[in-house]
Amino acid sequence: MALNWTMLDARHQPIPLHDESTIMSIDRDSQVEFSMTIPDAPPSGTAATGGNGGVKKMKERGKLWLTNKRLIFTTLKGGKPKPSFESLSIPLDAILSSKFEQPYFGANFVVLDIKPSVGGGLTDGTSVEIRFYDRGLFEFVSVLEKTRERVVYMKRQAAMEDDENLPAYTSSGSAPRASNSYADTPPGYVA
């Protein structure tokens, strides 16, 4: 998962990866809210200006795409003067867990625990809350879980196939012996 790594076109929509297809999108403005919590965030600012670490919380409204490879969120174009982030790209196999929340008061939401990408601007323990404002969330969560399970299954199958195609190795301590050597001749044998 990485902040601001999604390549966007002129319409502020994600450019698909190789062999990527969109399964579901909520691309009407301000219908999706992403709240992100990054624990132990590295200090912001330079060493000269100081900066502070600790928990960092960001909240934005925007658009959401679910593809066969990732979950993508982009902030509204021309919204606030400067959003806290422009895009968030989450590979489906980087979603460690999901939890559907139904509070007594307020809209339903889903919480995703995420495994961050190296150098992606996030830390271990990062979580995301997703809320919809114009539709039910249950259908989205169901499709997300099914798609994620398929991606994880395919990744495991590919890993097992790679293990089965490994070459056979011999131990490095023993060298093969020639069959017509003096070493193979039994003691006391006269030719």
C-alpha atoms as a PDB file:
ATOM      1  CA  MET A   1       0.000   0.000   0.000  1.00  0.00           C
ATOM      2  CA  ALA A   2       1.374   3.356  -0.935  1.00  0.00           C
ATOM      3  CA  LEU A   3       0.353   6.976  -0.758  1.00  0.00           C
ATOM      4  CA  ASN A   4       0.303   9.012  -3.962  1.00  0.00           C
ATOM      5  CA  TRP A   5       1.738   6.237  -6.179  1.00  0.00           C
ATOM      6  CA  THR A   6      -1.330   5.838  -8.388  1.00  0.00           C
ATOM      7  CA  MET A   7      -0.826   7.117 -11.910  1.00  0.00           C
ATOM      8  CA  LEU A   8      -3.813   9.304 -12.810  1.00  0.00           C
ATOM      9  CA  ASP A   9      -5.066  10.459 -16.205  1.00  0.00           C
ATOM     10  CA  ALA A  10      -6.289  13.969 -17.108  1.00  0.00           C
ATOM     11  CA  ARG A  11      -9.750  13.190 -15.659  1.00  0.00           C
ATOM     12  CA  HIS A  12      -8.134  12.274 -12.308  1.00  0.00           C
ATOM     13  CA  GLN A  13      -8.897   8.567 -12.771  1.00  0.00           C
ATOM     14  CA  PRO A  14      -6.376   5.748 -12.225  1.00  0.00           C
ATOM     15  CA  ILE A  15      -4.461   4.381 -15.188  1.00  0.00           C
ATOM     16  CA  PRO A  16      -4.841   0.565 -15.128  1.00  0.00           C
ATOM     17  CA  LEU A  17      -1.883  -1.750 -14.671  1.00  0.00           C
ATOM     18  CA  HIS A  18      -1.093  -4.541 -17.144  1.00  0.00           C
ATOM     19  CA  ASP A  19      -3.962  -7.087 -17.184  1.00  0.00           C
ATOM     20  CA  GLU A  20      -5.992  -5.020 -14.708  1.00  0.00           C
ATOM     21  CA  SER A  21      -9.740  -4.622 -15.075  1.00  0.00           C
ATOM     22  CA  THR A  22     -12.230  -2.615 -13.017  1.00  0.00           C
ATOM     23  CA  ILE A  23     -14.752  -4.676 -11.061  1.00  0.00           C
ATOM     24  CA  MET A  24     -16.571  -1.868  -9.253  1.00  0.00           C
ATOM     25  CA  SER A  25     -16.275   1.900  -9.057  1.00  0.00           C
ATOM     26  CA  ILE A  26     -17.870   4.665  -7.052  1.00  0.00           C
ATOM     27  CA  ASP A  27     -16.764   7.605  -9.116  1.00  0.00           C
ATOM     28  CA  ARG A  28     -19.279  10.288  -8.220  1.00  0.00           C
ATOM     29  CA  ASP A  29     -17.698  13.139  -6.275  1.00  0.00           C
ATOM     30  CA  SER A  30     -17.723  13.102  -2.468  1.00  0.00           C
ATOM     31  CA  GLN A  31     -19.592   9.817  -2.103  1.00  0.00           C
ATOM     32  CA  VAL A  32     -16.728   7.924  -0.424  1.00  0.00           C
ATOM     33  CA  GLU A  33     -14.804   8.882   2.703  1.00  0.00           C
ATOM     34  CA  PHE A  34     -11.410   7.386   3.512  1.00  0.00           C
ATOM     35  CA  SER A  35     -10.048   7.809   7.036  1.00  0.00           C
ATOM     36  CA  MET A  36      -6.509   6.551   7.448  1.00  0.00           C
ATOM     37  CA  THR A  37      -4.592   6.008  10.693  1.00  0.00           C
ATOM     38  CA  ILE A  38      -0.820   5.621  10.444  1.00  0.00           C
ATOM     39  CA  PRO A  39       0.772   4.612  13.778  1.00  0.00           C
ATOM     40  CA  ASP A  40       4.285   5.774  14.615  1.00  0.00           C
ATOM     41  CA  ALA A  41       4.414   8.020  11.564  1.00  0.00           C
ATOM     42  CA  PRO A  42       7.919   9.235  10.774  1.00  0.00           C
ATOM     43  CA  PRO A  43       8.516  12.919  11.554  1.00  0.00           C
ATOM     44  CA  SER A  44       7.284  15.322   8.906  1.00  0.00           C
ATOM     45  CA  GLY A  45       9.542  18.166   7.910  1.00  0.00           C
ATOM     46  CA  THR A  46      13.302  18.399   7.707  1.00  0.00           C
ATOM     47  CA  ALA A  47      15.799  17.970  10.496  1.00  0.00           C
ATOM     48  CA  ALA A  48      16.237  21.744  10.594  1.00  0.00           C
ATOM     49  CA  THR A  49      12.525  22.430  11.082  1.00  0.00           C
ATOM     50  CA  GLY A  50      11.974  19.571  13.481  1.00  0.00           C
ATOM     51  CA  GLY A  51       8.690  17.804  12.874  1.00  0.00           C
ATOM     52  CA  ASN A  52       6.721  15.364  14.938  1.00  0.00           C
ATOM     53  CA  GLY A  53       6.166  11.651  14.781  1.00  0.00           C
ATOM     54  CA  GLY A  54       3.461   9.613  16.466  1.00  0.00           C
ATOM     55  CA  VAL A  55       0.020   8.674  15.189  1.00  0.00           C
ATOM     56  CA  LYS A  56      -1.053  10.453  12.022  1.00  0.00           C
ATOM     57  CA  LYS A  57      -4.719  10.595  10.963  1.00  0.00           C
ATOM     58  CA  MET A  58      -5.894  11.674   7.526  1.00  0.00           C
ATOM     59  CA  LYS A  59      -9.449  11.943   6.202  1.00  0.00           C
ATOM     60  CA  GLU A  60     -10.498  12.712   2.632  1.00  0.00           C
ATOM     61  CA  ARG A  61     -13.531  12.363   0.396  1.00  0.00           C
ATOM     62  CA  GLY A  62     -13.251  11.149  -3.150  1.00  0.00           C
ATOM     63  CA  LYS A  63     -13.682   8.274  -5.562  1.00  0.00           C
ATOM     64  CA  LEU A  64     -13.049   4.535  -5.240  1.00  0.00           C
ATOM     65  CA  TRP A  65     -12.149   1.780  -7.718  1.00  0.00           C
ATOM     66  CA  LEU A  66     -11.934  -1.944  -7.043  1.00  0.00           C
ATOM     67  CA  THR A  67      -9.981  -3.843  -9.681  1.00  0.00           C
ATOM     68  CA  ASN A  68      -8.847  -7.434  -9.962  1.00  0.00           C
ATOM     69  CA  LYS A  69      -5.464  -6.368  -8.500  1.00  0.00           C
ATOM     70  CA  ARG A  70      -5.969  -3.419  -6.152  1.00  0.00           C
ATOM     71  CA  LEU A  71      -8.233  -1.010  -4.318  1.00  0.00           C
ATOM     72  CA  ILE A  72      -7.686   2.605  -5.403  1.00  0.00           C
ATOM     73  CA  PHE A  73      -8.891   5.810  -3.777  1.00  0.00           C
ATOM     74  CA  THR A  74      -8.419   9.276  -5.279  1.00  0.00           C
ATOM     75  CA  THR A  75      -9.274  12.558  -3.594  1.00  0.00           C
ATOM     76  CA  LEU A  76     -11.571  15.137  -5.099  1.00  0.00           C
ATOM     77  CA  LYS A  77      -9.988  17.280  -7.758  1.00  0.00           C
ATOM     78  CA  GLY A  78     -10.328  20.951  -6.901  1.00  0.00           C
ATOM     79  CA  GLY A  79     -11.642  20.235  -3.399  1.00  0.00           C
ATOM     80  CA  LYS A  80      -9.780  21.666  -0.397  1.00  0.00           C
ATOM     81  CA  PRO A  81      -6.764  23.858  -1.058  1.00  0.00           C
ATOM     82  CA  LYS A  82      -4.435  20.928  -0.385  1.00  0.00           C
ATOM     83  CA  PRO A  83      -5.668  17.435   0.528  1.00  0.00           C
ATOM     84  CA  SER A  84      -3.650  15.404   3.025  1.00  0.00           C
ATOM     85  CA  PHE A  85      -3.068  12.850   0.237  1.00  0.00           C
ATOM     86  CA  GLU A  86      -4.010  12.624  -3.440  1.00  0.00           C
ATOM     87  CA  SER A  87      -4.336   8.873  -3.936  1.00  0.00           C
ATOM     88  CA  LEU A  88      -4.030   5.578  -2.132  1.00  0.00           C
ATOM     89  CA  SER A  89      -3.303   2.298  -3.899  1.00  0.00           C
ATOM     90  CA  ILE A  90      -3.770  -0.951  -1.960  1.00  0.00           C
ATOM     91  CA  PRO A  91      -2.821  -4.264  -3.607  1.00  0.00           C
ATOM     92  CA  LEU A  92      -5.539  -6.744  -2.655  1.00  0.00           C
ATOM     93  CA  ASP A  93      -3.034  -9.194  -1.179  1.00  0.00           C
ATOM     94  CA  ALA A  94      -1.800  -6.394   1.132  1.00  0.00           C
ATOM     95  CA  ILE A  95      -5.160  -6.307   2.939  1.00  0.00           C
ATOM     96  CA  LEU A  96      -4.438  -8.287   6.092  1.00  0.00           C
ATOM     97  CA  SER A  97      -7.969  -8.212   7.511  1.00  0.00           C
ATOM     98  CA  SER A  98     -11.319  -6.499   7.121  1.00  0.00           C
ATOM     99  CA  LYS A  99     -14.020  -5.766   9.659  1.00  0.00           C
ATOM    100  CA  PHE A 100     -17.550  -4.604   8.834  1.00  0.00           C
ATOM    101  CA  GLU A 101     -18.758  -2.154  11.509  1.00  0.00           C
ATOM    102  CA  GLN A 102     -22.438  -1.362  12.193  1.00  0.00           C
ATOM    103  CA  PRO A 103     -22.603   1.416  14.811  1.00  0.00           C
ATOM    104  CA  TYR A 104     -25.842   2.255  16.644  1.00  0.00           C
ATOM    105  CA  PHE A 105     -25.694   5.811  15.335  1.00  0.00           C
ATOM    106  CA  GLY A 106     -24.139   6.743  12.009  1.00  0.00           C
ATOM    107  CA  ALA A 107     -23.376   4.985   8.772  1.00  0.00           C
ATOM    108  CA  ASN A 108     -21.870   1.518   8.434  1.00  0.00           C
ATOM    109  CA  PHE A 109     -18.178   1.391   7.594  1.00  0.00           C
ATOM    110  CA  VAL A 110     -15.446  -1.129   6.896  1.00  0.00           C
ATOM    111  CA  VAL A 111     -12.016  -1.173   8.561  1.00  0.00           C
ATOM    112  CA  LEU A 112      -9.077  -2.609   6.609  1.00  0.00           C
ATOM    113  CA  ASP A 113      -5.748  -3.490   8.225  1.00  0.00           C
ATOM    114  CA  ILE A 114      -3.031  -2.979   5.646  1.00  0.00           C
ATOM    115  CA  LYS A 115       0.494  -4.236   5.036  1.00  0.00           C
ATOM    116  CA  PRO A 116       2.404  -1.190   3.750  1.00  0.00           C
ATOM    117  CA  SER A 117       4.719  -1.274   0.730  1.00  0.00           C
ATOM    118  CA  VAL A 118       8.392  -0.547   1.299  1.00  0.00           C
ATOM    119  CA  GLY A 119       8.994   3.162   0.755  1.00  0.00           C
ATOM    120  CA  GLY A 120       5.271   3.823   0.341  1.00  0.00           C
ATOM    121  CA  GLY A 121       5.027   6.419   3.102  1.00  0.00           C
ATOM    122  CA  LEU A 122       3.124   4.184   5.535  1.00  0.00           C
ATOM    123  CA  THR A 123       4.076   2.029   8.527  1.00  0.00           C
ATOM    124  CA  ASP A 124       3.050  -1.343   9.951  1.00  0.00           C
ATOM    125  CA  GLY A 125      -0.301  -1.173  11.701  1.00  0.00           C
ATOM    126  CA  THR A 126      -1.846   1.237   9.199  1.00  0.00           C
ATOM    127  CA  SER A 127      -5.617   0.959   8.989  1.00  0.00           C
ATOM    128  CA  VAL A 128      -8.231   2.482   6.709  1.00  0.00           C
ATOM    129  CA  GLU A 129     -11.930   3.153   7.332  1.00  0.00           C
ATOM    130  CA  ILE A 130     -14.204   3.403   4.285  1.00  0.00           C
ATOM    131  CA  ARG A 131     -17.670   4.996   4.423  1.00  0.00           C
ATOM    132  CA  PHE A 132     -20.198   5.477   1.620  1.00  0.00           C
ATOM    133  CA  TYR A 133     -22.684   8.352   1.653  1.00  0.00           C
ATOM    134  CA  ASP A 134     -25.076   7.455  -1.167  1.00  0.00           C
ATOM    135  CA  ARG A 135     -25.328   3.669  -1.096  1.00  0.00           C
ATOM    136  CA  GLY A 136     -25.084   0.600   1.074  1.00  0.00           C
ATOM    137  CA  LEU A 137     -21.649  -0.695   1.972  1.00  0.00           C
ATOM    138  CA  PHE A 138     -22.498  -4.384   2.345  1.00  0.00           C
ATOM    139  CA  GLU A 139     -22.430  -5.137  -1.411  1.00  0.00           C
ATOM    140  CA  PHE A 140     -19.024  -3.489  -1.776  1.00  0.00           C
ATOM    141  CA  VAL A 141     -17.563  -5.409   1.187  1.00  0.00           C
ATOM    142  CA  SER A 142     -18.868  -8.696  -0.237  1.00  0.00           C
ATOM    143  CA  VAL A 143     -17.312  -8.065  -3.668  1.00  0.00           C
ATOM    144  CA  LEU A 144     -14.053  -6.859  -2.079  1.00  0.00           C
ATOM    145  CA  GLU A 145     -13.736 -10.010   0.046  1.00  0.00           C
ATOM    146  CA  LYS A 146     -14.453 -12.367  -2.861  1.00  0.00           C
ATOM    147  CA  THR A 147     -11.972 -10.577  -5.117  1.00  0.00           C
ATOM    148  CA  ARG A 148      -9.320 -10.493  -2.377  1.00  0.00           C
ATOM    149  CA  GLU A 149      -9.755 -14.217  -1.662  1.00  0.00           C
ATOM    150  CA  ARG A 150      -9.303 -14.976  -5.361  1.00  0.00           C
ATOM    151  CA  VAL A 151      -6.098 -12.910  -5.546  1.00  0.00           C
ATOM    152  CA  VAL A 152      -4.653 -14.623  -2.460  1.00  0.00           C
ATOM    153  CA  TYR A 153      -5.635 -18.073  -3.824  1.00  0.00           C
ATOM    154  CA  MET A 154      -4.002 -17.357  -7.200  1.00  0.00           C
ATOM    155  CA  LYS A 155      -0.835 -16.103  -5.500  1.00  0.00           C
ATOM    156  CA  ARG A 156      -0.615 -19.297  -3.423  1.00  0.00           C
ATOM    157  CA  GLN A 157      -1.178 -21.460  -6.514  1.00  0.00           C
ATOM    158  CA  ALA A 158       1.592 -19.631  -8.374  1.00  0.00           C
ATOM    159  CA  ALA A 159       3.957 -20.121  -5.410  1.00  0.00           C
ATOM    160  CA  MET A 160       3.183 -23.862  -5.280  1.00  0.00           C
ATOM    161  CA  GLU A 161       3.752 -24.205  -9.036  1.00  0.00           C
ATOM    162  CA  ASP A 162       7.095 -22.440  -8.681  1.00  0.00           C
ATOM    163  CA  ASP A 163       8.101 -24.884  -5.917  1.00  0.00           C
ATOM    164  CA  GLU A 164       7.145 -27.887  -8.075  1.00  0.00           C
ATOM    165  CA  ASN A 165       9.252 -26.660 -11.000  1.00  0.00           C
ATOM    166  CA  LEU A 166      12.487 -26.407  -9.040  1.00  0.00           C
ATOM    167  CA  PRO A 167      15.376 -28.505 -10.376  1.00  0.00           C
ATOM    168  CA  ALA A 168      16.583 -31.542  -8.429  1.00  0.00           C
ATOM    169  CA  TYR A 169      19.789 -30.864  -6.541  1.00  0.00           C
ATOM    170  CA  THR A 170      22.583 -33.228  -5.502  1.00  0.00           C
ATOM    171  CA  SER A 171      24.553 -32.696  -2.331  1.00  0.00           C
ATOM    172  CA  SER A 172      27.676 -30.626  -2.851  1.00  0.00           C
ATOM    173  CA  GLY A 173      29.850 -32.904  -0.667  1.00  0.00           C
ATOM    174  CA  SER A 174      29.901 -35.919  -2.998  1.00  0.00           C
ATOM    175  CA  ALA A 175      31.112 -35.909  -6.549  1.00  0.00           C
ATOM    176  CA  PRO A 176      29.883 -38.501  -9.039  1.00  0.00           C
ATOM    177  CA  ARG A 177      32.347 -41.341  -9.676  1.00  0.00           C
ATOM    178  CA  ALA A 178      33.148 -42.851 -13.023  1.00  0.00           C
ATOM    179  CA  SER A 179      31.994 -46.449 -13.454  1.00  0.00           C
ATOM    180  CA  ASN A 180      35.225 -47.767 -14.991  1.00  0.00           C
ATOM    181  CA  SER A 181      37.671 -46.469 -12.444  1.00  0.00           C
ATOM    182  CA  TYR A 182      40.148 -48.298 -10.253  1.00  0.00           C
ATOM    183  CA  ALA A 183      38.225 -47.091  -7.233  1.00  0.00           C
ATOM    184  CA  ASP A 184      35.297 -49.356  -8.231  1.00  0.00           C
ATOM    185  CA  THR A 185      37.521 -52.454  -8.430  1.00  0.00           C
ATOM    186  CA  PRO A 186      37.076 -54.770  -5.431  1.00  0.00           C
ATOM    187  CA  PRO A 187      40.261 -55.666  -3.531  1.00  0.00           C
ATOM    188  CA  GLY A 188      41.972 -58.831  -4.746  1.00  0.00           C
ATOM    189  CA  TYR A 189      40.337 -58.655  -8.199  1.00  0.00           C
ATOM    190  CA  VAL A 190      42.611 -59.709 -11.040  1.00  0.00           C
ATOM    191  CA  ALA A 191      41.684 -58.833 -14.572  1.00  0.00           C
END
